[in-house]
Amino acid sequence: MRDQDDAPYVVIERDGGGGLGSFVLGALVGAGLALLFAPKSGAETQEDLKEHARRFRSVAEERVREAQRQVEERLEEVREGVQMSFDGVKDAVNAGRSAASEARTDLEEKLQRSKAAYHEGVRAAQGTVAVKTEEEQEAEAL
């Protein structure tokens, strides 16, 4: 048994010129209805559109000014941060120089004391040798 849905069907098309006439007729009917049901006149609609454009421009200009202000604030914050970093590095370098200078002075003082102690030791050693020599001379003399 066959269902009716499986039955073959035939489609018939007419060549009516592409429907340009129907499109134009529909456009004219739509324009007429729009004019009949429009809540405002053309001049009023134009004024409304101009007012909306003015408000949009005003809001856009305000947002651009706000964005510029925020960019300038962020730029200033970055400049301050860079300046603070630079100052910190500068302070660290100066502190390092100062510490190095102090260490050098301290080292030079210790070196001078070491040299003085060395010379004292040499003099003491020479004195000891001289004393032994005198004692040896006295021992030989006896």
N, C-alpha and C. Protein backbone atom coordinates (compact mmCIF):
# COMPACT_ATOMS: atom_id res chain seq x y z
N MET A 1 0.81 -1.18 0.00
CA MET A 1 0.00 0.00 0.00
C MET A 1 0.85 1.24 0.00
N ARG A 2 0.38 2.18 -0.72
CA ARG A 2 1.11 3.43 -0.82
C ARG A 2 0.40 4.50 -0.03
N ASP A 3 1.22 5.33 0.65
CA ASP A 3 0.65 6.50 1.33
C ASP A 3 0.47 7.62 0.32
N GLN A 4 -0.37 8.50 0.65
CA GLN A 4 -0.59 9.62 -0.26
C GLN A 4 0.62 10.54 -0.27
N ASP A 5 1.40 10.52 0.78
CA ASP A 5 2.58 11.38 0.84
C ASP A 5 3.63 10.93 -0.17
N ASP A 6 3.62 9.68 -0.53
CA ASP A 6 4.60 9.16 -1.47
C ASP A 6 4.19 9.38 -2.91
N ALA A 7 3.01 9.90 -3.13
CA ALA A 7 2.52 10.08 -4.49
C ALA A 7 3.29 11.20 -5.17
N PRO A 8 3.60 11.07 -6.44
CA PRO A 8 4.30 12.14 -7.15
C PRO A 8 3.41 13.36 -7.31
N TYR A 9 4.06 14.53 -7.34
CA TYR A 9 3.30 15.75 -7.53
C TYR A 9 3.96 16.58 -8.61
N VAL A 10 3.20 17.54 -9.15
CA VAL A 10 3.65 18.35 -10.27
C VAL A 10 3.56 19.80 -9.85
N VAL A 11 4.62 20.59 -10.19
CA VAL A 11 4.65 22.02 -9.90
C VAL A 11 4.58 22.74 -11.22
N ILE A 12 3.70 23.73 -11.28
CA ILE A 12 3.55 24.50 -12.50
C ILE A 12 3.98 25.93 -12.19
N GLU A 13 4.92 26.47 -12.99
CA GLU A 13 5.40 27.83 -12.81
C GLU A 13 5.02 28.66 -14.01
N ARG A 14 4.76 29.90 -13.75
CA ARG A 14 4.46 30.83 -14.84
C ARG A 14 5.59 31.83 -14.94
N ASP A 15 5.87 32.26 -16.09
CA ASP A 15 6.87 33.30 -16.29
C ASP A 15 6.14 34.61 -16.40
N GLY A 16 6.14 35.38 -15.26
CA GLY A 16 5.35 36.60 -15.23
C GLY A 16 6.21 37.86 -15.28
N GLY A 17 7.47 37.81 -15.69
CA GLY A 17 8.29 39.00 -15.83
C GLY A 17 9.08 39.36 -14.58
N GLY A 18 9.22 38.51 -13.63
CA GLY A 18 10.09 38.73 -12.47
C GLY A 18 9.43 39.44 -11.32
N GLY A 19 8.25 39.90 -11.39
CA GLY A 19 7.54 40.49 -10.27
C GLY A 19 7.93 41.93 -9.99
N LEU A 20 8.49 42.65 -10.96
CA LEU A 20 8.86 44.04 -10.75
C LEU A 20 7.62 44.90 -10.51
N GLY A 21 6.59 44.63 -11.21
CA GLY A 21 5.35 45.39 -11.01
C GLY A 21 4.80 45.19 -9.62
N SER A 22 4.87 43.97 -9.11
CA SER A 22 4.38 43.68 -7.75
C SER A 22 5.22 44.42 -6.71
N PHE A 23 6.52 44.48 -6.94
CA PHE A 23 7.42 45.18 -6.01
C PHE A 23 7.09 46.67 -5.97
N VAL A 24 6.94 47.28 -7.10
CA VAL A 24 6.64 48.71 -7.17
C VAL A 24 5.29 48.99 -6.52
N LEU A 25 4.30 48.16 -6.81
CA LEU A 25 2.98 48.33 -6.20
C LEU A 25 3.06 48.23 -4.68
N GLY A 26 3.83 47.26 -4.16
CA GLY A 26 3.99 47.09 -2.72
C GLY A 26 4.70 48.29 -2.09
N ALA A 27 5.72 48.82 -2.78
CA ALA A 27 6.44 49.98 -2.27
C ALA A 27 5.53 51.19 -2.20
N LEU A 28 4.72 51.41 -3.22
CA LEU A 28 3.80 52.55 -3.21
C LEU A 28 2.75 52.43 -2.11
N VAL A 29 2.21 51.24 -1.93
CA VAL A 29 1.22 51.03 -0.88
C VAL A 29 1.86 51.26 0.49
N GLY A 30 3.07 50.74 0.69
CA GLY A 30 3.76 50.93 1.97
C GLY A 30 4.05 52.39 2.24
N ALA A 31 4.52 53.14 1.24
CA ALA A 31 4.79 54.57 1.42
C ALA A 31 3.51 55.33 1.75
N GLY A 32 2.43 55.00 1.08
CA GLY A 32 1.15 55.66 1.35
C GLY A 32 0.69 55.40 2.77
N LEU A 33 0.78 54.15 3.20
CA LEU A 33 0.38 53.83 4.57
C LEU A 33 1.28 54.52 5.60
N ALA A 34 2.58 54.61 5.30
CA ALA A 34 3.50 55.28 6.22
C ALA A 34 3.12 56.75 6.36
N LEU A 35 2.75 57.38 5.26
CA LEU A 35 2.35 58.79 5.33
C LEU A 35 1.04 58.96 6.10
N LEU A 36 0.13 58.05 5.92
CA LEU A 36 -1.16 58.14 6.62
C LEU A 36 -1.01 57.95 8.12
N PHE A 37 -0.14 57.03 8.52
CA PHE A 37 -0.03 56.69 9.94
C PHE A 37 1.16 57.35 10.65
N ALA A 38 1.89 58.20 9.98
CA ALA A 38 3.04 58.86 10.60
C ALA A 38 2.54 59.79 11.70
N PRO A 39 3.17 59.74 12.91
CA PRO A 39 2.70 60.56 14.02
C PRO A 39 3.11 62.03 13.90
N LYS A 40 4.12 62.34 13.08
CA LYS A 40 4.62 63.70 12.98
C LYS A 40 4.77 64.09 11.52
N SER A 41 4.86 65.38 11.31
CA SER A 41 5.07 65.86 9.95
C SER A 41 6.55 65.69 9.59
N GLY A 42 6.89 65.90 8.34
CA GLY A 42 8.28 65.77 7.88
C GLY A 42 9.19 66.77 8.57
N ALA A 43 8.74 68.00 8.74
CA ALA A 43 9.56 69.02 9.39
C ALA A 43 9.82 68.67 10.85
N GLU A 44 8.79 68.16 11.52
CA GLU A 44 8.97 67.75 12.92
C GLU A 44 9.95 66.59 13.02
N THR A 45 9.84 65.63 12.11
CA THR A 45 10.74 64.48 12.11
C THR A 45 12.17 64.94 11.87
N GLN A 46 12.36 65.88 10.95
CA GLN A 46 13.70 66.40 10.68
C GLN A 46 14.28 67.10 11.92
N GLU A 47 13.48 67.87 12.61
CA GLU A 47 13.93 68.54 13.83
C GLU A 47 14.32 67.52 14.90
N ASP A 48 13.49 66.47 15.03
CA ASP A 48 13.81 65.41 16.00
C ASP A 48 15.14 64.76 15.65
N LEU A 49 15.33 64.47 14.38
CA LEU A 49 16.59 63.84 13.96
C LEU A 49 17.78 64.77 14.23
N LYS A 50 17.61 66.06 13.96
CA LYS A 50 18.69 67.01 14.23
C LYS A 50 19.01 67.08 15.72
N GLU A 51 17.95 67.09 16.54
CA GLU A 51 18.15 67.14 18.00
C GLU A 51 18.86 65.89 18.50
N HIS A 52 18.45 64.73 17.98
CA HIS A 52 19.13 63.48 18.36
C HIS A 52 20.59 63.52 17.93
N ALA A 53 20.86 64.05 16.75
CA ALA A 53 22.25 64.14 16.27
C ALA A 53 23.06 65.08 17.16
N ARG A 54 22.46 66.21 17.58
CA ARG A 54 23.15 67.14 18.47
C ARG A 54 23.48 66.49 19.82
N ARG A 55 22.48 65.78 20.37
CA ARG A 55 22.71 65.10 21.65
C ARG A 55 23.79 64.02 21.51
N PHE A 56 23.73 63.28 20.42
CA PHE A 56 24.73 62.24 20.19
C PHE A 56 26.12 62.86 20.10
N ARG A 57 26.22 63.97 19.38
CA ARG A 57 27.52 64.64 19.23
C ARG A 57 28.01 65.14 20.58
N SER A 58 27.11 65.72 21.36
CA SER A 58 27.47 66.23 22.68
C SER A 58 27.98 65.10 23.58
N VAL A 59 27.26 64.01 23.59
CA VAL A 59 27.66 62.86 24.42
C VAL A 59 29.00 62.31 23.92
N ALA A 60 29.17 62.21 22.61
CA ALA A 60 30.42 61.69 22.05
C ALA A 60 31.59 62.60 22.42
N GLU A 61 31.39 63.92 22.31
CA GLU A 61 32.46 64.85 22.67
C GLU A 61 32.81 64.74 24.15
N GLU A 62 31.81 64.58 25.01
CA GLU A 62 32.05 64.45 26.44
C GLU A 62 32.84 63.16 26.73
N ARG A 63 32.47 62.10 26.07
CA ARG A 63 33.20 60.83 26.28
C ARG A 63 34.63 60.92 25.78
N VAL A 64 34.85 61.62 24.68
CA VAL A 64 36.21 61.81 24.17
C VAL A 64 37.02 62.63 25.17
N ARG A 65 36.43 63.71 25.72
CA ARG A 65 37.13 64.52 26.72
C ARG A 65 37.46 63.69 27.95
N GLU A 66 36.51 62.87 28.39
CA GLU A 66 36.74 62.01 29.56
C GLU A 66 37.86 61.01 29.28
N ALA A 67 37.85 60.43 28.10
CA ALA A 67 38.92 59.48 27.74
C ALA A 67 40.27 60.19 27.70
N GLN A 68 40.32 61.40 27.15
CA GLN A 68 41.57 62.16 27.12
C GLN A 68 42.04 62.46 28.54
N ARG A 69 41.13 62.82 29.40
CA ARG A 69 41.49 63.13 30.78
C ARG A 69 42.07 61.89 31.47
N GLN A 70 41.43 60.75 31.26
CA GLN A 70 41.92 59.51 31.87
C GLN A 70 43.29 59.13 31.33
N VAL A 71 43.48 59.31 30.03
CA VAL A 71 44.80 59.00 29.44
C VAL A 71 45.86 59.93 30.02
N GLU A 72 45.54 61.21 30.16
CA GLU A 72 46.49 62.16 30.74
C GLU A 72 46.80 61.81 32.19
N GLU A 73 45.80 61.38 32.96
CA GLU A 73 46.03 60.97 34.35
C GLU A 73 46.96 59.76 34.41
N ARG A 74 46.68 58.77 33.57
CA ARG A 74 47.53 57.56 33.56
C ARG A 74 48.95 57.90 33.13
N LEU A 75 49.07 58.79 32.15
CA LEU A 75 50.39 59.21 31.69
C LEU A 75 51.15 59.91 32.80
N GLU A 76 50.48 60.75 33.54
CA GLU A 76 51.11 61.45 34.66
C GLU A 76 51.53 60.45 35.75
N GLU A 77 50.67 59.46 36.03
CA GLU A 77 51.03 58.43 37.01
C GLU A 77 52.27 57.67 36.57
N VAL A 78 52.33 57.34 35.28
CA VAL A 78 53.51 56.62 34.76
C VAL A 78 54.75 57.49 34.89
N ARG A 79 54.61 58.78 34.53
CA ARG A 79 55.76 59.69 34.65
C ARG A 79 56.24 59.76 36.10
N GLU A 80 55.30 59.88 37.03
CA GLU A 80 55.68 59.94 38.44
C GLU A 80 56.36 58.65 38.87
N GLY A 81 55.83 57.52 38.42
CA GLY A 81 56.43 56.23 38.76
C GLY A 81 57.84 56.12 38.21
N VAL A 82 58.04 56.56 36.98
CA VAL A 82 59.37 56.51 36.38
C VAL A 82 60.30 57.44 37.14
N GLN A 83 59.81 58.63 37.48
CA GLN A 83 60.64 59.58 38.22
C GLN A 83 61.02 59.01 39.58
N MET A 84 60.03 58.37 40.25
CA MET A 84 60.31 57.76 41.56
C MET A 84 61.34 56.65 41.42
N SER A 85 61.20 55.84 40.37
CA SER A 85 62.17 54.77 40.14
C SER A 85 63.55 55.35 39.88
N PHE A 86 63.59 56.39 39.06
CA PHE A 86 64.86 57.04 38.75
C PHE A 86 65.49 57.61 40.02
N ASP A 87 64.66 58.27 40.84
CA ASP A 87 65.17 58.82 42.09
C ASP A 87 65.67 57.71 43.01
N GLY A 88 64.94 56.61 43.05
CA GLY A 88 65.35 55.47 43.87
C GLY A 88 66.69 54.90 43.41
N VAL A 89 66.84 54.77 42.10
CA VAL A 89 68.11 54.26 41.56
C VAL A 89 69.23 55.25 41.85
N LYS A 90 68.93 56.53 41.67
CA LYS A 90 69.92 57.57 41.92
C LYS A 90 70.35 57.54 43.39
N ASP A 91 69.38 57.42 44.31
CA ASP A 91 69.69 57.34 45.73
C ASP A 91 70.52 56.09 46.04
N ALA A 92 70.16 54.97 45.42
CA ALA A 92 70.90 53.73 45.65
C ALA A 92 72.34 53.86 45.15
N VAL A 93 72.53 54.48 44.00
CA VAL A 93 73.89 54.67 43.47
C VAL A 93 74.69 55.57 44.40
N ASN A 94 74.07 56.66 44.85
CA ASN A 94 74.77 57.57 45.78
C ASN A 94 75.12 56.86 47.08
N ALA A 95 74.20 56.05 47.59
CA ALA A 95 74.47 55.30 48.82
C ALA A 95 75.61 54.30 48.60
N GLY A 96 75.61 53.66 47.43
CA GLY A 96 76.70 52.73 47.10
C GLY A 96 78.03 53.43 47.01
N ARG A 97 78.04 54.60 46.39
CA ARG A 97 79.29 55.37 46.30
C ARG A 97 79.78 55.76 47.69
N SER A 98 78.85 56.21 48.52
CA SER A 98 79.22 56.62 49.87
C SER A 98 79.78 55.43 50.67
N ALA A 99 79.13 54.30 50.56
CA ALA A 99 79.60 53.11 51.27
C ALA A 99 80.96 52.67 50.76
N ALA A 100 81.16 52.74 49.45
CA ALA A 100 82.45 52.36 48.87
C ALA A 100 83.54 53.32 49.34
N SER A 101 83.21 54.60 49.40
CA SER A 101 84.19 55.59 49.87
C SER A 101 84.56 55.34 51.33
N GLU A 102 83.55 55.07 52.15
CA GLU A 102 83.82 54.77 53.56
C GLU A 102 84.66 53.50 53.71
N ALA A 103 84.34 52.48 52.94
CA ALA A 103 85.09 51.23 53.00
C ALA A 103 86.53 51.46 52.57
N ARG A 104 86.73 52.28 51.54
CA ARG A 104 88.09 52.56 51.08
C ARG A 104 88.88 53.29 52.15
N THR A 105 88.26 54.30 52.77
CA THR A 105 88.93 55.05 53.84
C THR A 105 89.29 54.11 54.99
N ASP A 106 88.35 53.26 55.36
CA ASP A 106 88.59 52.30 56.45
C ASP A 106 89.73 51.35 56.08
N LEU A 107 89.73 50.87 54.85
CA LEU A 107 90.77 49.95 54.39
C LEU A 107 92.14 50.64 54.37
N GLU A 108 92.18 51.89 53.93
CA GLU A 108 93.45 52.63 53.91
C GLU A 108 93.99 52.82 55.33
N GLU A 109 93.09 53.10 56.28
CA GLU A 109 93.52 53.25 57.68
C GLU A 109 94.09 51.94 58.21
N LYS A 110 93.41 50.83 57.91
CA LYS A 110 93.90 49.52 58.37
C LYS A 110 95.24 49.18 57.72
N LEU A 111 95.39 49.54 56.46
CA LEU A 111 96.64 49.29 55.75
C LEU A 111 97.77 50.10 56.39
N GLN A 112 97.50 51.35 56.74
CA GLN A 112 98.51 52.18 57.40
C GLN A 112 98.90 51.59 58.75
N ARG A 113 97.89 51.11 59.50
CA ARG A 113 98.20 50.50 60.80
C ARG A 113 99.02 49.22 60.62
N SER A 114 98.68 48.43 59.59
CA SER A 114 99.43 47.20 59.33
C SER A 114 100.87 47.52 58.95
N LYS A 115 101.05 48.54 58.11
CA LYS A 115 102.41 48.93 57.73
C LYS A 115 103.20 49.39 58.94
N ALA A 116 102.55 50.19 59.80
CA ALA A 116 103.23 50.68 61.00
C ALA A 116 103.61 49.50 61.91
N ALA A 117 102.70 48.54 62.07
CA ALA A 117 102.99 47.37 62.90
C ALA A 117 104.12 46.54 62.29
N TYR A 118 104.14 46.43 60.98
CA TYR A 118 105.20 45.69 60.28
C TYR A 118 106.55 46.35 60.54
N HIS A 119 106.58 47.70 60.36
CA HIS A 119 107.84 48.41 60.58
C HIS A 119 108.30 48.29 62.03
N GLU A 120 107.36 48.34 62.96
CA GLU A 120 107.70 48.16 64.38
C GLU A 120 108.26 46.76 64.61
N GLY A 121 107.66 45.79 63.97
CA GLY A 121 108.15 44.41 64.11
C GLY A 121 109.55 44.27 63.55
N VAL A 122 109.80 44.90 62.41
CA VAL A 122 111.14 44.84 61.80
C VAL A 122 112.15 45.50 62.73
N ARG A 123 111.77 46.69 63.26
CA ARG A 123 112.67 47.38 64.17
C ARG A 123 112.93 46.55 65.42
N ALA A 124 111.89 45.92 65.94
CA ALA A 124 112.05 45.09 67.14
C ALA A 124 112.95 43.90 66.84
N ALA A 125 112.77 43.31 65.65
CA ALA A 125 113.61 42.17 65.27
C ALA A 125 115.05 42.61 65.11
N GLN A 126 115.24 43.78 64.51
CA GLN A 126 116.60 44.27 64.36
C GLN A 126 117.22 44.56 65.71
N GLY A 127 116.45 45.09 66.63
CA GLY A 127 116.94 45.37 67.98
C GLY A 127 117.31 44.09 68.70
N THR A 128 116.53 43.03 68.50
CA THR A 128 116.81 41.74 69.12
C THR A 128 118.10 41.17 68.55
N VAL A 129 118.28 41.28 67.29
CA VAL A 129 119.50 40.79 66.66
C VAL A 129 120.68 41.60 67.17
N ALA A 130 120.49 42.90 67.33
CA ALA A 130 121.56 43.76 67.83
C ALA A 130 121.87 43.42 69.28
N VAL A 131 120.87 43.11 70.08
CA VAL A 131 121.09 42.75 71.47
C VAL A 131 121.83 41.44 71.55
N LYS A 132 121.49 40.46 70.74
CA LYS A 132 122.19 39.17 70.76
C LYS A 132 123.64 39.36 70.33
N THR A 133 123.79 40.21 69.39
CA THR A 133 125.14 40.43 68.93
C THR A 133 125.99 41.03 70.05
N GLU A 134 125.44 41.97 70.81
CA GLU A 134 126.17 42.55 71.93
C GLU A 134 126.42 41.49 73.00
N GLU A 135 125.42 40.63 73.27
CA GLU A 135 125.58 39.57 74.28
C GLU A 135 126.61 38.57 73.81
N GLU A 136 126.58 38.26 72.53
CA GLU A 136 127.57 37.34 71.99
C GLU A 136 128.96 37.93 72.11
N GLN A 137 129.07 39.25 71.87
CA GLN A 137 130.37 39.89 71.97
C GLN A 137 130.88 39.86 73.41
N GLU A 138 130.02 40.07 74.36
CA GLU A 138 130.41 40.05 75.77
C GLU A 138 130.80 38.62 76.17
N ALA A 139 130.08 37.63 75.67
CA ALA A 139 130.38 36.24 75.99
C ALA A 139 131.71 35.85 75.39
N GLU A 140 132.01 36.32 74.26
CA GLU A 140 133.27 36.01 73.61
C GLU A 140 134.41 36.72 74.32
N ALA A 141 134.11 37.89 74.80
CA ALA A 141 135.15 38.65 75.48
C ALA A 141 135.53 37.97 76.78
N LEU A 142 134.77 37.28 77.39
CA LEU A 142 135.08 36.62 78.65
C LEU A 142 135.78 35.37 78.39
